[in-house]
Structure formats: structure tokens, C-alpha cells
Amino acid sequence: MFFLYSFLLTIGFIVLLPWFLFQPKYAAGLRQRFGRLPEFAQNGKPVIWLHCVSVGETNAARPLFIKLKENFPEHRLVVSTTTRTGQKLAKEIFANDAELIFYFPFDWKFTVHRALRHIKPSVVLIMETEIWFNFVREAHKSGVKVFIVNGRLSEKSVARYALIPRTMRRVLHHIDLALMQSNSDAKRLLGLGTRTTKVKVTGNIKFDQQFDETESSLTKELRGRFGISKDAPLIIAASTHAPEERLILQAFKESWKSSTGNLPRLLIAPRHPERFAEVAQLIRESGFDWARRSAIESEEDKKAEVILLDSIGELRAAYPLAEIVFVGGSLIPHGGQNVLEPASAERAIVTGFYTMNFAEIIKEFLAQDALIQLPKLSGKEAAGKLAEIFSELLNDTERREKLAKNAFAVMKKNRGATEKTIEYIKSFMLSEGEI
């Protein structure tokens, strides 16, 4: 099965190569993806390799990275990502502390082996259950300990993996420790054939996120540039997907027209950078005065009714500026995006109906009256309902503040996953003589 997997991976790569080469987000780091990594001197020290897929996992890894530095000072830390946006963010937030930041290799035996031989890690930590068959097997064969940290496994992923049960059992046999976010995630992994002794539940590291001084200074910069104040309450539409921006602009227009107090403003942060130009065109067509983060600073920025945050890694710093945060990927069957960052900033949160990717988190937030979720609605109906919610929250300061405080309380209640993760890693490595 491993041969067939590698063969199909090769065929897929050849077929998609022309498209791949002309897509910046995939073409970036091509040499590194073939295992040709930048110079790295191990200097006789053990190495911990932390792998994050994209921006979400990289952001989530912040508290874990800090604790790894504190608890394993004799180790060298390196970080890999799969996507270009993840790579850019990793270089911004880990630049001063990571020994090397690079692209994860393609999952062929020769590329994986080349990367492992270059880095020589003692331990590989894979954020959120990105299981690459050849990488996991080759790492195990090389004597590297492979851990899943902050593991998450959806029903959809389980159904896909269940189509190849024998192969999955063989791959999961090479995982030394799986630290999962919830009991449900753990049960799904066990159902695929992982041994019970290898699976632990630690909670979600994303609850441990906090805002640092760098983000505070960036928050001040954004506030000053765009003249953001309580006099014009800001709504943030975060991590949006098509066609959510169109619906959000419709909802904002309705709530803006019906506003009885200070006129609100809207900041849109699309999930994928390749859609920045598309969203800019939608905003331009909306008729609102608008500004974009990537443009040269102007006094007109302070008058913009709609702001396009067409940057990477700055959304977290924008959250404290908002009165209301709508979390995207939820008006369509995508499954939702992360609500924990705006909760950590103590903001009132609104989501659409489709939040399957964060089902347990959303369930707890709803139980604690910590967010508002739209019912299942069609596009036009969803825009109307969203406008209604925006208007209600803008006109009800007490309700808005209660939602924000409840969201922050849920965050505080669930913190501690990073410490549990570190303790399990230390305990395992001590028992294996790694430290």
C-alpha cells in the first residue's frame, strides 16, 4: 500500500505540476519541499522538530513553542510549515527563537529521508493530526519519536482513513504518542487502530493563547492608522470564505442604514491571501468608502467605512479593536474557523450555522451564552439575519459585553492544555532516556 500511495502521489504531482509551478502559494519553497533545506548545524544537541500546517496551527503553536523553550533548554527547536502563509507567519513569530524555519518535505521516501538526515531530530511534534504516511514511517525507522500534539480528528477524516484500515493501523503503529484535544478526538483515533496506551487527552492548546507585547503595539498601530474608536463601533468579519464577504457586506449595509446611534465600521479579513483582490473588488462595488491595509497610509484611512485587512498574521492584533467579531467559514458548509482568538480578546462573537470543525467548542460556548450562532439559512436569509444580529448587538451594550465576558470566561476555564502536553512529552522522553 505504501508503494501504491507513493505512486499515486507521483502521478498527481506530475499532472498538477504546471498549475503547481504558477501558483505562488504552492511554488514557494519548492527546493525545500524536495528536502533541500537551508544549512543547519546540529552542534551535537538534540533537536525538536515542530510541524505546523498553516496559519491556524502556527498561531496555536505559540504557547507550546514558549514552553518547549523553557522546558527543553538543551534542545534545538526547528519549525516547518506546509503553506506559504504559515511559513511567513512562522518567520515573524519564531524568528528570534527557532534555529531553522522551513517548508515540510513532499511525502516521498527520498525527500523525507533527505530532510530527516539533514535535521537529525530526536522528536517530531505534529500539530493537529496531519498524518503523512511516508514521513511517519521513515521517521520511526530512523529512530525519531513522533508525537501528535493538539490532535484533532473530524468525522470526515475518520471516514476517509477508514477506507484503508490496514494501512492506517500500520502508520499509526509508528506514532509514539497522540495528545488529543477531546475525548471524541481520542475515540476516533482509537477506532482507526491506535493502541490505547499511546492516546491521551490534553485539551486544546488554542485556549492557552494570550496577546503579547508585539501584538499590543500592532493593535495600537492599526487603531491609529484607521482612526478606530468607540464613536464608530467596529465589526470584524474574520477568516471569511467566498461567498461570505458578499453576504456580510449586505448585512453590514442593512445594519448601517438602520443604525440609530453611531454608524458602525466593518473590517474584512479573508481567510486566503489569494482572494484579497477578489474581495477588494466586492468592497469597491459595494459603494462604501474603503481602505486596504496593504496600501500606502493616507488620512482617508480614518474615514473608511470598510477596511480590507489584506495582510498575514495581523488579525489577532485587530480583535481588541472590535465590538463584534463574526467568525467566517460558517455561512457555508466549510465547517467554521477558530472562535478562540476573539474570545481571548474578550469580544462578542457571532458565527454561522456550519461549525462542524469546532463542534465541541461551539457547543460549550453556546451552553455558556458566550456566542451567537445563526440558524441554518439560505444566502439572502443569512444576510438578513446577520444584519438583525449586528443591529441588536450594536444597540445593546450590556448584551454585547456579557457575551464578551462569557467568551473570555470559557477561555480561562479551559486553559492548561499546553502544560499537560509538556508534562506528557517530558514523561515519555524521560522514560525513553531522551532527556
Protein backbone atom coordinates (compact mmCIF):
# COMPACT_ATOMS: atom_id res chain seq x y z
CA MET A 1 0.00 0.00 0.00
CA PHE A 2 2.90 2.38 0.72
CA PHE A 3 4.21 1.80 -2.82
CA LEU A 4 0.76 2.48 -4.29
CA TYR A 5 0.45 5.62 -2.14
CA SER A 6 3.82 6.93 -3.37
CA PHE A 7 2.95 6.04 -6.97
CA LEU A 8 -0.37 7.90 -6.83
CA LEU A 9 1.34 10.85 -5.14
CA THR A 10 3.85 10.96 -8.01
CA ILE A 11 1.17 10.75 -10.70
CA GLY A 12 -0.82 13.50 -9.01
CA PHE A 13 2.29 15.68 -8.74
CA ILE A 14 3.14 15.25 -12.46
CA VAL A 15 -0.40 16.02 -13.57
CA LEU A 16 -0.63 19.12 -11.38
CA LEU A 17 2.95 20.31 -11.91
CA PRO A 18 2.17 23.07 -14.48
CA TRP A 19 -0.56 24.50 -12.26
CA PHE A 20 1.61 23.98 -9.18
CA LEU A 21 4.51 26.00 -10.62
CA PHE A 22 2.32 29.00 -11.39
CA GLN A 23 0.57 29.11 -8.01
CA PRO A 24 2.78 31.15 -5.64
CA LYS A 25 1.37 29.53 -2.51
CA TYR A 26 2.49 26.09 -3.74
CA ALA A 27 5.57 27.00 -5.77
CA ALA A 28 7.12 28.79 -2.78
CA GLY A 29 9.88 26.80 -1.14
CA LEU A 30 9.93 24.16 -3.87
CA ARG A 31 13.57 23.29 -3.26
CA GLN A 32 12.92 22.82 0.44
CA ARG A 33 9.86 20.67 -0.28
CA PHE A 34 12.25 18.29 -2.06
CA GLY A 35 14.27 18.03 1.14
CA ARG A 36 16.97 20.54 0.15
CA LEU A 37 16.92 22.52 3.36
CA PRO A 38 18.98 25.55 4.43
CA GLU A 39 22.23 24.96 6.28
CA PHE A 40 21.67 23.69 9.80
CA ALA A 41 24.39 22.76 12.27
CA GLN A 42 23.13 20.43 14.97
CA ASN A 43 26.28 21.00 17.08
CA GLY A 44 25.75 17.76 18.95
CA LYS A 45 22.50 18.96 20.57
CA PRO A 46 19.20 17.04 20.37
CA VAL A 47 16.63 18.61 18.05
CA ILE A 48 12.86 19.02 18.45
CA TRP A 49 11.06 19.48 15.12
CA LEU A 50 7.68 21.21 15.44
CA HIS A 51 5.46 20.94 12.35
CA CYS A 52 2.53 23.30 11.72
CA VAL A 53 0.39 23.13 8.58
CA SER A 54 -0.73 26.71 8.03
CA VAL A 55 -1.56 29.96 9.83
CA GLY A 56 -4.06 28.39 12.26
CA GLU A 57 -1.67 25.74 13.54
CA THR A 58 1.23 28.20 13.63
CA ASN A 59 -0.76 30.62 15.77
CA ALA A 60 -1.90 27.76 18.00
CA ALA A 61 1.70 26.65 18.48
CA ARG A 62 2.77 29.94 20.13
CA PRO A 63 2.22 28.89 23.76
CA LEU A 64 3.63 25.40 23.10
CA PHE A 65 6.77 26.80 21.50
CA ILE A 66 7.40 29.05 24.50
CA LYS A 67 7.02 26.15 26.92
CA LEU A 68 9.26 23.91 24.81
CA LYS A 69 11.99 26.55 25.03
CA GLU A 70 11.57 26.78 28.79
CA ASN A 71 11.43 23.05 29.48
CA PHE A 72 13.98 21.78 26.96
CA PRO A 73 16.75 24.40 27.01
CA GLU A 74 19.32 21.82 25.93
CA HIS A 75 17.39 21.06 22.73
CA ARG A 76 17.40 23.00 19.48
CA LEU A 77 13.96 23.86 18.08
CA VAL A 78 13.14 23.91 14.39
CA VAL A 79 9.75 24.71 12.81
CA SER A 80 8.25 23.59 9.50
CA THR A 81 5.03 24.57 7.74
CA THR A 82 3.17 23.31 4.70
CA THR A 83 1.72 26.55 3.33
CA ARG A 84 3.36 29.81 2.29
CA THR A 85 1.15 31.83 4.67
CA GLY A 86 2.11 29.54 7.54
CA GLN A 87 5.77 29.97 6.61
CA LYS A 88 5.50 33.75 6.56
CA LEU A 89 3.82 33.84 9.97
CA ALA A 90 6.29 31.35 11.48
CA LYS A 91 9.18 33.55 10.35
CA GLU A 92 7.55 36.53 12.03
CA ILE A 93 6.73 34.97 15.40
CA PHE A 94 9.52 32.38 15.81
CA ALA A 95 12.36 34.16 14.01
CA ASN A 96 14.31 35.01 17.17
CA ASP A 97 13.90 31.63 18.85
CA ALA A 98 13.72 28.87 16.24
CA GLU A 99 17.04 27.56 14.93
CA LEU A 100 15.53 26.94 11.50
CA ILE A 101 12.17 27.61 9.80
CA PHE A 102 11.48 25.71 6.59
CA TYR A 103 8.91 24.02 4.36
CA PHE A 104 7.79 20.48 5.15
CA PRO A 105 9.03 17.95 2.54
CA PHE A 106 6.86 16.26 -0.05
CA ASP A 107 5.82 12.87 1.25
CA TRP A 108 8.07 10.69 -0.86
CA LYS A 109 10.55 8.38 0.81
CA PHE A 110 13.61 10.08 -0.73
CA THR A 111 12.51 13.66 0.12
CA VAL A 112 11.54 12.71 3.65
CA HIS A 113 14.74 10.78 4.21
CA ARG A 114 16.80 13.72 2.91
CA ALA A 115 15.09 16.15 5.31
CA LEU A 116 15.40 13.82 8.30
CA ARG A 117 19.08 13.20 7.56
CA HIS A 118 19.67 16.97 7.41
CA ILE A 119 17.80 17.89 10.61
CA LYS A 120 18.53 14.73 12.64
CA PRO A 121 15.63 15.31 15.07
CA SER A 122 15.15 13.37 18.26
CA VAL A 123 11.46 14.21 18.35
CA VAL A 124 8.92 15.41 15.79
CA LEU A 125 5.78 17.14 17.07
CA ILE A 126 2.96 17.23 14.51
CA MET A 127 0.27 19.79 15.24
CA GLU A 128 -3.36 18.70 14.82
CA THR A 129 -3.03 15.27 13.20
CA GLU A 130 -1.58 15.88 9.76
CA ILE A 131 -0.62 12.27 9.03
CA TRP A 132 1.86 11.81 6.18
CA PHE A 133 2.38 8.09 5.60
CA ASN A 134 5.99 8.04 4.37
CA PHE A 135 7.14 10.74 6.77
CA VAL A 136 5.79 8.94 9.83
CA ARG A 137 7.21 5.59 8.73
CA GLU A 138 10.64 6.93 7.76
CA ALA A 139 10.91 8.97 10.96
CA HIS A 140 10.14 5.86 13.01
CA LYS A 141 12.68 3.79 11.05
CA SER A 142 15.30 6.49 11.73
CA GLY A 143 14.70 6.23 15.48
CA VAL A 144 12.83 9.54 15.70
CA LYS A 145 9.97 9.80 18.20
CA VAL A 146 6.79 11.01 16.51
CA PHE A 147 4.13 12.78 18.61
CA ILE A 148 0.77 14.21 17.59
CA VAL A 149 0.09 17.31 19.69
CA ASN A 150 -3.18 19.21 19.99
CA GLY A 151 -4.62 16.39 17.90
CA ARG A 152 -7.95 16.84 16.19
CA LEU A 153 -9.71 14.24 14.04
CA SER A 154 -13.03 15.01 12.38
CA GLU A 155 -15.70 12.51 11.40
CA LYS A 156 -14.95 13.34 7.77
CA SER A 157 -11.26 12.46 8.18
CA VAL A 158 -12.08 9.25 10.00
CA ALA A 159 -14.42 8.17 7.19
CA ARG A 160 -11.66 8.77 4.65
CA TYR A 161 -8.98 6.96 6.67
CA ALA A 162 -11.35 4.06 7.37
CA LEU A 163 -11.27 3.17 3.66
CA ILE A 164 -7.71 1.86 4.18
CA PRO A 165 -7.86 0.28 7.67
CA ARG A 166 -4.78 -1.96 7.42
CA THR A 167 -2.58 0.86 6.14
CA MET A 168 -3.82 3.21 8.84
CA ARG A 169 -3.06 0.68 11.56
CA ARG A 170 0.47 0.32 10.19
CA VAL A 171 1.00 4.08 10.02
CA LEU A 172 -0.45 4.73 13.46
CA HIS A 173 1.77 2.00 14.87
CA HIS A 174 4.68 4.37 14.16
CA ILE A 175 3.13 7.19 16.22
CA ASP A 176 4.71 7.13 19.67
CA LEU A 177 2.24 9.41 21.45
CA ALA A 178 -1.02 11.10 20.41
CA LEU A 179 -2.12 14.00 22.61
CA MET A 180 -5.68 14.78 21.52
CA GLN A 181 -7.90 17.80 22.14
CA SER A 182 -11.00 15.93 23.32
CA ASN A 183 -12.42 12.53 24.24
CA SER A 184 -14.21 12.44 20.89
CA ASP A 185 -10.97 13.02 19.00
CA ALA A 186 -9.28 10.31 21.07
CA LYS A 187 -12.05 7.80 20.41
CA ARG A 188 -11.90 8.43 16.67
CA LEU A 189 -8.14 7.82 16.64
CA LEU A 190 -8.53 4.66 18.72
CA GLY A 191 -11.17 3.48 16.27
CA LEU A 192 -8.56 3.61 13.50
CA GLY A 193 -6.34 1.18 15.37
CA THR A 194 -4.09 3.22 17.66
CA ARG A 195 -3.13 1.47 20.90
CA THR A 196 -4.90 2.82 23.98
CA THR A 197 -1.62 3.39 25.83
CA LYS A 198 -0.48 5.83 23.15
CA VAL A 199 -3.51 8.13 23.27
CA LYS A 200 -4.01 10.86 25.89
CA VAL A 201 -6.46 13.76 26.15
CA THR A 202 -4.84 17.10 26.98
CA GLY A 203 -7.41 19.68 25.87
CA ASN A 204 -6.98 22.35 23.22
CA ILE A 205 -3.77 24.40 23.24
CA LYS A 206 -5.64 27.21 21.47
CA PHE A 207 -7.33 28.03 24.81
CA ASP A 208 -3.87 29.00 26.13
CA GLN A 209 -3.36 31.79 23.62
CA GLN A 210 -2.60 35.22 25.02
CA PHE A 211 -1.73 38.55 23.46
CA ASP A 212 1.92 39.59 23.64
CA GLU A 213 3.63 42.98 23.52
CA THR A 214 4.24 42.78 19.77
CA GLU A 215 0.54 42.35 19.13
CA SER A 216 -0.24 45.19 21.53
CA SER A 217 1.97 47.56 19.54
CA LEU A 218 0.41 46.35 16.28
CA THR A 219 -3.06 46.89 17.77
CA LYS A 220 -2.09 50.48 18.55
CA GLU A 221 -0.73 50.93 15.04
CA LEU A 222 -3.97 49.70 13.45
CA ARG A 223 -6.06 51.83 15.81
CA GLY A 224 -4.08 54.94 14.94
CA ARG A 225 -3.91 54.41 11.20
CA PHE A 226 -7.62 53.71 10.73
CA GLY A 227 -8.86 56.03 13.48
CA ILE A 228 -10.78 53.27 15.24
CA SER A 229 -12.77 54.39 18.28
CA LYS A 230 -15.97 53.73 20.19
CA ASP A 231 -17.54 56.59 18.26
CA ALA A 232 -17.77 54.28 15.25
CA PRO A 233 -18.02 50.69 16.60
CA LEU A 234 -16.03 48.18 14.57
CA ILE A 235 -17.38 44.86 13.30
CA ILE A 236 -14.71 42.38 12.22
CA ALA A 237 -15.54 39.66 9.69
CA ALA A 238 -12.73 37.20 10.36
CA SER A 239 -11.32 34.41 8.18
CA THR A 240 -14.04 34.70 5.58
CA HIS A 241 -14.60 32.43 2.57
CA ALA A 242 -16.48 33.02 -0.68
CA PRO A 243 -19.32 34.00 -0.89
CA GLU A 244 -19.41 35.14 2.74
CA GLU A 245 -17.95 38.59 2.02
CA ARG A 246 -20.88 39.42 -0.27
CA LEU A 247 -23.39 38.35 2.39
CA ILE A 248 -21.54 40.23 5.13
CA LEU A 249 -21.43 43.41 3.07
CA GLN A 250 -25.18 43.10 2.51
CA ALA A 251 -25.76 42.58 6.23
CA PHE A 252 -23.49 45.49 7.12
CA LYS A 253 -25.28 47.79 4.66
CA GLU A 254 -28.65 46.96 6.23
CA SER A 255 -27.44 47.45 9.80
CA TRP A 256 -25.57 50.63 8.75
CA LYS A 257 -28.70 52.13 7.20
CA SER A 258 -30.88 51.22 10.20
CA SER A 259 -28.38 52.42 12.79
CA THR A 260 -29.89 54.75 15.38
CA GLY A 261 -26.59 55.58 17.06
CA ASN A 262 -23.03 55.95 15.89
CA LEU A 263 -22.52 54.49 12.43
CA PRO A 264 -20.54 51.23 12.57
CA ARG A 265 -17.49 50.32 10.52
CA LEU A 266 -16.51 46.95 9.05
CA LEU A 267 -13.13 45.23 8.76
CA ILE A 268 -12.97 42.15 6.49
CA ALA A 269 -10.10 39.67 6.81
CA PRO A 270 -10.35 36.96 4.11
CA ARG A 271 -9.05 33.54 5.10
CA HIS A 272 -6.92 33.04 1.97
CA PRO A 273 -4.49 35.69 0.62
CA GLU A 274 -5.10 34.69 -3.00
CA ARG A 275 -8.64 36.11 -2.60
CA PHE A 276 -7.56 39.59 -1.48
CA ALA A 277 -8.02 41.13 -4.94
CA GLU A 278 -11.42 39.45 -5.38
CA VAL A 279 -12.66 40.76 -2.03
CA ALA A 280 -11.26 44.22 -2.77
CA GLN A 281 -13.40 44.30 -5.91
CA LEU A 282 -16.51 43.28 -3.93
CA ILE A 283 -15.91 46.10 -1.44
CA ARG A 284 -15.30 48.58 -4.24
CA GLU A 285 -18.62 47.60 -5.84
CA SER A 286 -20.47 47.92 -2.52
CA GLY A 287 -20.40 51.72 -2.68
CA PHE A 288 -18.76 52.20 0.72
CA ASP A 289 -15.72 54.36 1.28
CA TRP A 290 -12.97 51.84 1.89
CA ALA A 291 -9.29 51.33 2.59
CA ARG A 292 -6.89 48.44 2.49
CA ARG A 293 -4.10 47.60 4.90
CA SER A 294 -1.56 46.94 2.12
CA ALA A 295 -1.99 50.40 0.56
CA ILE A 296 0.16 53.42 1.40
CA GLU A 297 -1.12 55.08 4.57
CA SER A 298 -3.45 58.01 3.99
CA GLU A 299 -5.61 60.34 6.06
CA GLU A 300 -8.54 58.86 4.14
CA ASP A 301 -7.96 55.58 6.02
CA LYS A 302 -9.56 57.11 9.10
CA LYS A 303 -12.78 57.82 7.18
CA ALA A 304 -13.12 54.38 5.59
CA GLU A 305 -16.43 52.66 6.30
CA VAL A 306 -14.99 49.31 5.24
CA ILE A 307 -11.40 48.19 5.80
CA LEU A 308 -9.78 45.26 4.00
CA LEU A 309 -7.16 43.53 6.14
CA ASP A 310 -5.15 42.11 3.26
CA SER A 311 -2.19 41.03 5.37
CA ILE A 312 -0.98 37.84 7.03
CA GLY A 313 -0.73 37.32 10.77
CA GLU A 314 -2.34 40.64 11.85
CA LEU A 315 -5.89 39.51 12.52
CA ARG A 316 -5.14 38.56 16.14
CA ALA A 317 -3.93 42.09 16.80
CA ALA A 318 -7.10 43.54 15.25
CA TYR A 319 -9.52 41.67 17.53
CA PRO A 320 -9.15 44.01 20.55
CA LEU A 321 -10.35 46.87 18.33
CA ALA A 322 -13.71 45.24 17.59
CA GLU A 323 -17.07 45.43 19.31
CA ILE A 324 -18.37 42.40 17.38
CA VAL A 325 -16.49 39.60 15.62
CA PHE A 326 -18.16 37.43 13.01
CA VAL A 327 -16.10 34.25 12.52
CA GLY A 328 -16.18 33.05 8.93
CA GLY A 329 -16.21 29.70 7.19
CA SER A 330 -19.56 29.22 8.89
CA LEU A 331 -22.17 30.60 6.47
CA ILE A 332 -21.17 27.83 4.06
CA PRO A 333 -20.56 24.09 4.69
CA HIS A 334 -16.84 24.66 5.27
CA GLY A 335 -17.03 23.89 8.97
CA GLY A 336 -16.11 27.18 10.59
CA GLN A 337 -12.92 28.89 11.73
CA ASN A 338 -11.36 29.48 15.12
CA VAL A 339 -13.53 31.35 17.66
CA LEU A 340 -10.92 31.15 20.41
CA GLU A 341 -8.79 34.10 19.34
CA PRO A 342 -11.63 36.66 19.52
CA ALA A 343 -12.72 35.03 22.78
CA SER A 344 -9.22 35.52 24.16
CA ALA A 345 -9.53 39.20 23.21
CA GLU A 346 -12.85 39.30 25.12
CA ARG A 347 -15.03 40.22 22.15
CA ALA A 348 -18.69 39.43 21.36
CA ILE A 349 -18.71 36.59 18.81
CA VAL A 350 -21.18 35.65 16.07
CA THR A 351 -20.95 32.59 13.80
CA GLY A 352 -22.96 30.98 11.04
CA PHE A 353 -24.62 27.58 11.25
CA TYR A 354 -21.79 25.48 9.81
CA THR A 355 -19.27 24.97 12.62
CA MET A 356 -18.61 21.21 12.36
CA ASN A 357 -14.81 21.65 12.60
CA PHE A 358 -15.21 23.07 16.12
CA ALA A 359 -18.38 21.26 17.20
CA GLU A 360 -17.46 20.66 20.85
CA ILE A 361 -16.04 24.15 21.35
CA ILE A 362 -19.13 25.78 19.84
CA LYS A 363 -21.36 23.56 21.98
CA GLU A 364 -19.65 24.77 25.15
CA PHE A 365 -19.70 28.41 24.07
CA LEU A 366 -23.44 28.18 23.37
CA ALA A 367 -24.07 26.47 26.72
CA GLN A 368 -22.29 29.34 28.48
CA ASP A 369 -24.06 32.05 26.44
CA ALA A 370 -20.67 33.00 25.03
CA LEU A 371 -21.57 33.47 21.36
CA ILE A 372 -24.50 33.84 18.98
CA GLN A 373 -24.96 31.26 16.22
CA LEU A 374 -27.19 31.74 13.22
CA PRO A 375 -29.69 29.00 12.33
CA LYS A 376 -29.38 27.15 9.03
CA LEU A 377 -30.40 29.72 6.40
CA SER A 378 -30.02 30.36 2.69
CA GLY A 379 -27.73 33.15 1.46
CA LYS A 380 -30.23 36.03 1.39
CA GLU A 381 -31.89 34.89 4.62
CA ALA A 382 -28.49 34.57 6.31
CA ALA A 383 -27.58 38.14 5.30
CA GLY A 384 -30.86 39.43 6.73
CA LYS A 385 -30.45 37.54 10.00
CA LEU A 386 -26.86 38.67 10.33
CA ALA A 387 -27.94 42.29 9.83
CA GLU A 388 -30.53 41.84 12.55
CA ILE A 389 -27.94 40.44 14.98
CA PHE A 390 -25.44 43.20 14.18
CA SER A 391 -28.08 45.86 14.85
CA GLU A 392 -29.22 44.25 18.10
CA LEU A 393 -25.70 43.97 19.47
CA LEU A 394 -24.70 47.46 18.40
CA ASN A 395 -27.75 48.87 20.21
CA ASP A 396 -27.38 46.71 23.33
CA THR A 397 -24.07 47.39 25.06
CA GLU A 398 -24.98 45.24 28.08
CA ARG A 399 -25.71 42.18 25.92
CA ARG A 400 -22.56 42.69 23.88
CA GLU A 401 -20.38 42.97 26.98
CA LYS A 402 -21.98 39.91 28.57
CA LEU A 403 -21.23 37.79 25.51
CA ALA A 404 -17.63 39.02 25.54
CA LYS A 405 -17.12 38.31 29.26
CA ASN A 406 -18.68 34.87 28.95
CA ALA A 407 -16.43 34.04 26.00
CA PHE A 408 -13.34 35.05 27.96
CA ALA A 409 -14.55 33.01 30.96
CA VAL A 410 -14.78 29.90 28.75
CA MET A 411 -11.20 30.52 27.65
CA LYS A 412 -9.94 30.80 31.23
CA LYS A 413 -11.86 27.71 32.33
CA ASN A 414 -10.30 25.53 29.64
CA ARG A 415 -6.69 26.67 29.86
CA GLY A 416 -3.90 24.27 30.78
CA ALA A 417 -3.53 22.07 27.67
CA THR A 418 -0.01 23.35 26.98
CA GLU A 419 1.20 22.37 30.46
CA LYS A 420 -0.37 18.91 30.15
CA THR A 421 1.24 18.47 26.74
CA ILE A 422 4.67 19.39 28.07
CA GLU A 423 4.30 17.01 31.01
CA TYR A 424 3.38 14.08 28.76
CA ILE A 425 6.28 14.85 26.42
CA LYS A 426 8.74 15.13 29.34
CA SER A 427 7.47 11.93 30.94
CA PHE A 428 7.78 9.99 27.68
CA MET A 429 11.23 11.33 26.87
CA LEU A 430 12.46 10.60 30.39
CA SER A 431 11.25 7.02 30.15
CA GLU A 432 12.99 6.67 26.78
CA GLY A 433 16.21 8.27 28.02
CA GLU A 434 15.87 11.20 25.64
CA ILE A 435 16.45 13.75 28.42
